[in-house]
Amino acid sequence: MFKNIIFDWSGVIREVYEAHIWVVERMIEKFGGKPMTPKEIRENWDEPYMKFWNKYFPDMTLEQEQKAYVEGILDKNCPLAKPYPEIVKLIKKLRSKNFSMAVLSGDMPETLLPEMKRFGLENIFDDVIAKVHGKLEPLEKLMEKNNFKKEETVFIGDSNHEIEAGKEAGIKTIAVTWGFHSEEKLKGLNPDYLVHNVKELENILLK
């Protein structure tokens, strides 16, 4: 049985598709790239996210990407972030049952923390680590800091990065299909669990 749950933010708790596509399209234009359709962006997206950007912009730095992405997310025309349906309810239920929970995310603090407050999830998590690019080392440090035992811990994500990092860290992984990567791509990563909705996720975490 799991006692410790580590969540990715965008694509697991925060609905990611509409806003992410909006920002990426404008970043491609900003940096002078060839326009891509939403389908092309999703099919070619890779993480850590600089793997995607450096395929098309080899000279782009991590700092340039982060600055441009935050500017895009904070743009008044960007679609407003919202939580995935029923996920907030589940997280609060898990808290009431004394699970230890943390967030490990590539999102910037200036966007993640206000979203967390707006979603009603402020002061719910035991630890929140943002602005992460490579996730393995921060994941291992988070587990050590919070005394999370490997056999009691699970990492929930929507991309290759969470599944790969979780496997390397020796913990269970859950891939959710409502994020940015397709179900087909997630299946190829062989996560311990693949879930299609919050009810399926709840059944795994509370079984």
C-alpha atoms as a PDB file:
ATOM      1  CA  MET A   1       0.000   0.000   0.000  1.00  0.00           C
ATOM      2  CA  PHE A   2       1.249   3.474  -0.840  1.00  0.00           C
ATOM      3  CA  LYS A   3       1.832   6.004   1.919  1.00  0.00           C
ATOM      4  CA  ASN A   4       3.633   8.690  -0.091  1.00  0.00           C
ATOM      5  CA  ILE A   5       2.375  10.210  -3.342  1.00  0.00           C
ATOM      6  CA  ILE A   6       4.418  12.515  -5.555  1.00  0.00           C
ATOM      7  CA  PHE A   7       2.463  14.415  -8.210  1.00  0.00           C
ATOM      8  CA  ASP A   8       3.599  16.141 -11.343  1.00  0.00           C
ATOM      9  CA  TRP A   9       1.593  19.376 -11.651  1.00  0.00           C
ATOM     10  CA  SER A  10       0.807  20.224 -15.280  1.00  0.00           C
ATOM     11  CA  GLY A  11      -0.919  17.345 -16.990  1.00  0.00           C
ATOM     12  CA  VAL A  12      -1.880  15.606 -13.754  1.00  0.00           C
ATOM     13  CA  ILE A  13      -3.450  18.214 -11.461  1.00  0.00           C
ATOM     14  CA  ARG A  14      -3.580  21.158 -13.849  1.00  0.00           C
ATOM     15  CA  GLU A  15      -5.225  20.708 -17.233  1.00  0.00           C
ATOM     16  CA  VAL A  16      -2.367  21.303 -19.613  1.00  0.00           C
ATOM     17  CA  TYR A  17      -3.361  20.931 -23.252  1.00  0.00           C
ATOM     18  CA  GLU A  18      -4.998  24.220 -24.244  1.00  0.00           C
ATOM     19  CA  ALA A  19      -2.662  26.616 -22.432  1.00  0.00           C
ATOM     20  CA  HIS A  20       0.491  24.654 -23.263  1.00  0.00           C
ATOM     21  CA  ILE A  21      -0.270  24.551 -26.974  1.00  0.00           C
ATOM     22  CA  TRP A  22      -1.086  28.281 -26.910  1.00  0.00           C
ATOM     23  CA  VAL A  23       2.261  29.131 -25.316  1.00  0.00           C
ATOM     24  CA  VAL A  24       4.368  26.773 -27.414  1.00  0.00           C
ATOM     25  CA  GLU A  25       2.886  28.088 -30.670  1.00  0.00           C
ATOM     26  CA  ARG A  26       3.798  31.640 -29.674  1.00  0.00           C
ATOM     27  CA  MET A  27       7.272  30.664 -28.515  1.00  0.00           C
ATOM     28  CA  ILE A  28       7.953  28.992 -31.857  1.00  0.00           C
ATOM     29  CA  GLU A  29       6.892  32.214 -33.586  1.00  0.00           C
ATOM     30  CA  LYS A  30       8.918  34.356 -31.165  1.00  0.00           C
ATOM     31  CA  PHE A  31      12.119  32.409 -31.841  1.00  0.00           C
ATOM     32  CA  GLY A  32      11.580  32.347 -35.599  1.00  0.00           C
ATOM     33  CA  GLY A  33      10.668  28.718 -36.077  1.00  0.00           C
ATOM     34  CA  LYS A  34       8.430  26.990 -38.591  1.00  0.00           C
ATOM     35  CA  PRO A  35       4.809  26.905 -37.379  1.00  0.00           C
ATOM     36  CA  MET A  36       3.578  23.565 -36.031  1.00  0.00           C
ATOM     37  CA  THR A  37       0.053  22.279 -35.629  1.00  0.00           C
ATOM     38  CA  PRO A  38      -1.159  21.226 -32.164  1.00  0.00           C
ATOM     39  CA  LYS A  39      -0.971  17.597 -33.331  1.00  0.00           C
ATOM     40  CA  GLU A  40       2.642  18.038 -34.451  1.00  0.00           C
ATOM     41  CA  ILE A  41       3.581  19.684 -31.153  1.00  0.00           C
ATOM     42  CA  ARG A  42       2.039  16.863 -29.147  1.00  0.00           C
ATOM     43  CA  GLU A  43       3.583  14.113 -31.282  1.00  0.00           C
ATOM     44  CA  ASN A  44       7.055  15.655 -31.108  1.00  0.00           C
ATOM     45  CA  TRP A  45       7.005  16.855 -27.507  1.00  0.00           C
ATOM     46  CA  ASP A  46       9.715  15.329 -25.329  1.00  0.00           C
ATOM     47  CA  GLU A  47      10.961  15.788 -21.787  1.00  0.00           C
ATOM     48  CA  PRO A  48      12.997  17.141 -20.162  1.00  0.00           C
ATOM     49  CA  TYR A  49      11.484  19.903 -22.262  1.00  0.00           C
ATOM     50  CA  MET A  50      14.780  21.282 -23.602  1.00  0.00           C
ATOM     51  CA  LYS A  51      15.032  18.054 -25.618  1.00  0.00           C
ATOM     52  CA  PHE A  52      12.040  19.339 -27.573  1.00  0.00           C
ATOM     53  CA  TRP A  53      13.198  22.935 -27.912  1.00  0.00           C
ATOM     54  CA  ASN A  54      16.788  22.146 -28.863  1.00  0.00           C
ATOM     55  CA  LYS A  55      15.602  19.927 -31.725  1.00  0.00           C
ATOM     56  CA  TYR A  56      14.310  23.075 -33.413  1.00  0.00           C
ATOM     57  CA  PHE A  57      16.385  25.791 -31.720  1.00  0.00           C
ATOM     58  CA  PRO A  58      19.825  24.313 -30.920  1.00  0.00           C
ATOM     59  CA  ASP A  59      21.096  27.565 -29.429  1.00  0.00           C
ATOM     60  CA  MET A  60      18.148  28.158 -27.090  1.00  0.00           C
ATOM     61  CA  THR A  61      19.211  28.151 -23.445  1.00  0.00           C
ATOM     62  CA  LEU A  62      17.234  26.861 -20.490  1.00  0.00           C
ATOM     63  CA  GLU A  63      17.015  30.413 -19.138  1.00  0.00           C
ATOM     64  CA  GLN A  64      15.597  31.724 -22.423  1.00  0.00           C
ATOM     65  CA  GLU A  65      13.014  28.952 -22.528  1.00  0.00           C
ATOM     66  CA  GLN A  66      11.897  29.452 -18.938  1.00  0.00           C
ATOM     67  CA  LYS A  67      11.615  33.223 -19.326  1.00  0.00           C
ATOM     68  CA  ALA A  68       9.603  32.955 -22.546  1.00  0.00           C
ATOM     69  CA  TYR A  69       7.343  30.222 -21.176  1.00  0.00           C
ATOM     70  CA  VAL A  70       6.489  32.169 -18.028  1.00  0.00           C
ATOM     71  CA  GLU A  71       5.767  35.273 -20.119  1.00  0.00           C
ATOM     72  CA  GLY A  72       3.413  33.177 -22.240  1.00  0.00           C
ATOM     73  CA  ILE A  73       1.565  31.564 -19.337  1.00  0.00           C
ATOM     74  CA  LEU A  74       1.129  34.955 -17.647  1.00  0.00           C
ATOM     75  CA  ASP A  75      -0.085  36.641 -20.851  1.00  0.00           C
ATOM     76  CA  LYS A  76      -3.641  37.881 -20.347  1.00  0.00           C
ATOM     77  CA  ASN A  77      -4.691  36.146 -23.576  1.00  0.00           C
ATOM     78  CA  CYS A  78      -3.419  32.733 -22.503  1.00  0.00           C
ATOM     79  CA  PRO A  79      -6.232  30.296 -21.614  1.00  0.00           C
ATOM     80  CA  LEU A  80      -6.743  30.277 -17.854  1.00  0.00           C
ATOM     81  CA  ALA A  81      -5.385  27.226 -16.084  1.00  0.00           C
ATOM     82  CA  LYS A  82      -7.903  25.011 -14.319  1.00  0.00           C
ATOM     83  CA  PRO A  83      -7.673  21.752 -12.393  1.00  0.00           C
ATOM     84  CA  TYR A  84      -8.489  18.468 -14.048  1.00  0.00           C
ATOM     85  CA  PRO A  85     -12.061  17.478 -13.089  1.00  0.00           C
ATOM     86  CA  GLU A  86     -12.324  15.664  -9.725  1.00  0.00           C
ATOM     87  CA  ILE A  87      -8.566  15.732  -9.024  1.00  0.00           C
ATOM     88  CA  VAL A  88      -8.810  18.380  -6.294  1.00  0.00           C
ATOM     89  CA  LYS A  89     -11.514  16.364  -4.543  1.00  0.00           C
ATOM     90  CA  LEU A  90      -9.314  13.256  -4.638  1.00  0.00           C
ATOM     91  CA  ILE A  91      -6.255  15.078  -3.310  1.00  0.00           C
ATOM     92  CA  LYS A  92      -8.234  16.445  -0.374  1.00  0.00           C
ATOM     93  CA  LYS A  93      -9.594  12.956   0.301  1.00  0.00           C
ATOM     94  CA  LEU A  94      -6.051  11.578   0.323  1.00  0.00           C
ATOM     95  CA  ARG A  95      -5.002  14.290   2.745  1.00  0.00           C
ATOM     96  CA  SER A  96      -7.886  13.407   5.068  1.00  0.00           C
ATOM     97  CA  LYS A  97      -6.551   9.843   5.097  1.00  0.00           C
ATOM     98  CA  ASN A  98      -3.087  11.059   6.135  1.00  0.00           C
ATOM     99  CA  PHE A  99      -1.165  10.297   2.959  1.00  0.00           C
ATOM    100  CA  SER A 100       2.089  12.203   2.627  1.00  0.00           C
ATOM    101  CA  MET A 101       1.972  14.155  -0.630  1.00  0.00           C
ATOM    102  CA  ALA A 102       4.390  16.289  -2.631  1.00  0.00           C
ATOM    103  CA  VAL A 103       4.569  18.069  -5.974  1.00  0.00           C
ATOM    104  CA  LEU A 104       7.606  17.806  -8.234  1.00  0.00           C
ATOM    105  CA  SER A 105       7.163  19.977 -11.315  1.00  0.00           C
ATOM    106  CA  GLY A 106       8.915  21.750 -14.133  1.00  0.00           C
ATOM    107  CA  ASP A 107       6.445  24.628 -13.775  1.00  0.00           C
ATOM    108  CA  MET A 108       7.754  27.942 -12.524  1.00  0.00           C
ATOM    109  CA  PRO A 109       6.901  29.027  -8.942  1.00  0.00           C
ATOM    110  CA  GLU A 110       5.363  32.265 -10.226  1.00  0.00           C
ATOM    111  CA  THR A 111       2.692  30.268 -12.049  1.00  0.00           C
ATOM    112  CA  LEU A 112       2.413  27.069  -9.993  1.00  0.00           C
ATOM    113  CA  LEU A 113       1.952  28.625  -6.550  1.00  0.00           C
ATOM    114  CA  PRO A 114      -0.864  31.022  -7.562  1.00  0.00           C
ATOM    115  CA  GLU A 115      -2.589  28.146  -9.367  1.00  0.00           C
ATOM    116  CA  MET A 116      -2.276  25.968  -6.291  1.00  0.00           C
ATOM    117  CA  LYS A 117      -3.940  28.671  -4.210  1.00  0.00           C
ATOM    118  CA  ARG A 118      -6.669  29.244  -6.799  1.00  0.00           C
ATOM    119  CA  PHE A 119      -7.416  25.512  -6.980  1.00  0.00           C
ATOM    120  CA  GLY A 120      -7.869  25.379  -3.188  1.00  0.00           C
ATOM    121  CA  LEU A 121      -4.761  23.242  -2.666  1.00  0.00           C
ATOM    122  CA  GLU A 122      -2.669  25.648  -0.629  1.00  0.00           C
ATOM    123  CA  ASN A 123      -1.125  24.009   2.468  1.00  0.00           C
ATOM    124  CA  ILE A 124      -2.187  20.548   1.288  1.00  0.00           C
ATOM    125  CA  PHE A 125       1.211  19.215   0.205  1.00  0.00           C
ATOM    126  CA  ASP A 126       4.110  18.352   2.485  1.00  0.00           C
ATOM    127  CA  ASP A 127       6.619  19.568  -0.080  1.00  0.00           C
ATOM    128  CA  VAL A 128       6.487  21.482  -3.366  1.00  0.00           C
ATOM    129  CA  ILE A 129       9.471  21.494  -5.698  1.00  0.00           C
ATOM    130  CA  ALA A 130       9.101  23.678  -8.797  1.00  0.00           C
ATOM    131  CA  LYS A 131      11.343  24.870 -11.644  1.00  0.00           C
ATOM    132  CA  VAL A 132      12.705  21.353 -12.161  1.00  0.00           C
ATOM    133  CA  HIS A 133      14.240  20.383 -15.489  1.00  0.00           C
ATOM    134  CA  GLY A 134      15.818  16.971 -15.000  1.00  0.00           C
ATOM    135  CA  LYS A 135      13.622  15.156 -12.461  1.00  0.00           C
ATOM    136  CA  LEU A 136      15.657  12.194 -11.213  1.00  0.00           C
ATOM    137  CA  GLU A 137      18.010  14.013  -8.837  1.00  0.00           C
ATOM    138  CA  PRO A 138      15.293  16.306  -7.393  1.00  0.00           C
ATOM    139  CA  LEU A 139      13.053  13.254  -6.966  1.00  0.00           C
ATOM    140  CA  GLU A 140      15.699  11.392  -5.001  1.00  0.00           C
ATOM    141  CA  LYS A 141      16.426  14.454  -2.866  1.00  0.00           C
ATOM    142  CA  LEU A 142      12.721  14.984  -2.186  1.00  0.00           C
ATOM    143  CA  MET A 143      12.368  11.381  -1.034  1.00  0.00           C
ATOM    144  CA  GLU A 144      15.417  11.603   1.209  1.00  0.00           C
ATOM    145  CA  LYS A 145      14.327  14.936   2.704  1.00  0.00           C
ATOM    146  CA  ASN A 146      10.847  13.640   3.533  1.00  0.00           C
ATOM    147  CA  ASN A 147      11.915  10.123   4.561  1.00  0.00           C
ATOM    148  CA  PHE A 148       9.847   8.505   1.818  1.00  0.00           C
ATOM    149  CA  LYS A 149      10.605   4.776   1.625  1.00  0.00           C
ATOM    150  CA  LYS A 150      10.841   3.478  -1.935  1.00  0.00           C
ATOM    151  CA  GLU A 151       8.387   0.638  -1.409  1.00  0.00           C
ATOM    152  CA  GLU A 152       5.768   3.063  -0.030  1.00  0.00           C
ATOM    153  CA  THR A 153       6.100   5.772  -2.694  1.00  0.00           C
ATOM    154  CA  VAL A 154       4.557   6.393  -6.099  1.00  0.00           C
ATOM    155  CA  PHE A 155       5.212   9.091  -8.724  1.00  0.00           C
ATOM    156  CA  ILE A 156       2.252  10.204 -10.854  1.00  0.00           C
ATOM    157  CA  GLY A 157       2.935  11.870 -14.198  1.00  0.00           C
ATOM    158  CA  ASP A 158       1.685  12.422 -17.726  1.00  0.00           C
ATOM    159  CA  SER A 159       4.959  12.191 -19.632  1.00  0.00           C
ATOM    160  CA  ASN A 160       7.996  10.039 -20.248  1.00  0.00           C
ATOM    161  CA  HIS A 161       9.991  12.081 -17.753  1.00  0.00           C
ATOM    162  CA  GLU A 162       8.062  11.139 -14.610  1.00  0.00           C
ATOM    163  CA  ILE A 163       7.887   7.460 -15.573  1.00  0.00           C
ATOM    164  CA  GLU A 164      11.587   7.265 -16.434  1.00  0.00           C
ATOM    165  CA  ALA A 165      12.657   9.140 -13.296  1.00  0.00           C
ATOM    166  CA  GLY A 166      10.401   7.059 -11.070  1.00  0.00           C
ATOM    167  CA  LYS A 167      11.773   3.815 -12.484  1.00  0.00           C
ATOM    168  CA  GLU A 168      15.373   4.982 -12.035  1.00  0.00           C
ATOM    169  CA  ALA A 169      14.600   5.998  -8.462  1.00  0.00           C
ATOM    170  CA  GLY A 170      13.207   2.539  -7.755  1.00  0.00           C
ATOM    171  CA  ILE A 171       9.609   3.549  -7.015  1.00  0.00           C
ATOM    172  CA  LYS A 172       6.237   2.727  -8.550  1.00  0.00           C
ATOM    173  CA  THR A 173       4.868   4.921 -11.334  1.00  0.00           C
ATOM    174  CA  ILE A 174       1.392   5.858 -12.496  1.00  0.00           C
ATOM    175  CA  ALA A 175       0.849   7.393 -15.937  1.00  0.00           C
ATOM    176  CA  VAL A 176      -2.317   9.411 -16.505  1.00  0.00           C
ATOM    177  CA  THR A 177      -3.770   9.657 -20.000  1.00  0.00           C
ATOM    178  CA  TRP A 178      -5.434  13.073 -19.560  1.00  0.00           C
ATOM    179  CA  GLY A 179      -2.147  14.979 -19.858  1.00  0.00           C
ATOM    180  CA  PHE A 180       0.012  15.884 -22.832  1.00  0.00           C
ATOM    181  CA  HIS A 181       1.454  12.552 -23.948  1.00  0.00           C
ATOM    182  CA  SER A 182      -0.725  10.108 -25.833  1.00  0.00           C
ATOM    183  CA  GLU A 183      -1.855   6.826 -24.305  1.00  0.00           C
ATOM    184  CA  GLU A 184       0.136   4.941 -26.947  1.00  0.00           C
ATOM    185  CA  LYS A 185       3.345   6.722 -25.985  1.00  0.00           C
ATOM    186  CA  LEU A 186       2.701   6.194 -22.274  1.00  0.00           C
ATOM    187  CA  LYS A 187       2.077   2.467 -22.782  1.00  0.00           C
ATOM    188  CA  GLY A 188       5.472   2.199 -24.444  1.00  0.00           C
ATOM    189  CA  LEU A 189       7.104   3.446 -21.248  1.00  0.00           C
ATOM    190  CA  ASN A 190       5.700   0.507 -19.244  1.00  0.00           C
ATOM    191  CA  PRO A 191       4.504   2.402 -16.167  1.00  0.00           C
ATOM    192  CA  ASP A 192       3.340   0.259 -13.256  1.00  0.00           C
ATOM    193  CA  TYR A 193      -0.177   1.610 -13.765  1.00  0.00           C
ATOM    194  CA  LEU A 194      -1.927   3.426 -16.606  1.00  0.00           C
ATOM    195  CA  VAL A 195      -5.107   5.304 -15.671  1.00  0.00           C
ATOM    196  CA  HIS A 196      -7.729   7.005 -17.793  1.00  0.00           C
ATOM    197  CA  ASN A 197      -9.682   8.959 -15.179  1.00  0.00           C
ATOM    198  CA  VAL A 198      -9.576  10.083 -11.557  1.00  0.00           C
ATOM    199  CA  LYS A 199     -11.752   7.203 -10.374  1.00  0.00           C
ATOM    200  CA  GLU A 200      -9.243   4.672 -11.674  1.00  0.00           C
ATOM    201  CA  LEU A 201      -6.469   6.635  -9.949  1.00  0.00           C
ATOM    202  CA  GLU A 202      -8.395   6.663  -6.684  1.00  0.00           C
ATOM    203  CA  ASN A 203      -8.947   2.904  -6.857  1.00  0.00           C
ATOM    204  CA  ILE A 204      -5.203   2.311  -7.150  1.00  0.00           C
ATOM    205  CA  LEU A 205      -4.194   4.730  -4.402  1.00  0.00           C
ATOM    206  CA  LEU A 206      -6.843   3.642  -1.910  1.00  0.00           C
ATOM    207  CA  LYS A 207      -6.986  -0.090  -2.587  1.00  0.00           C
END
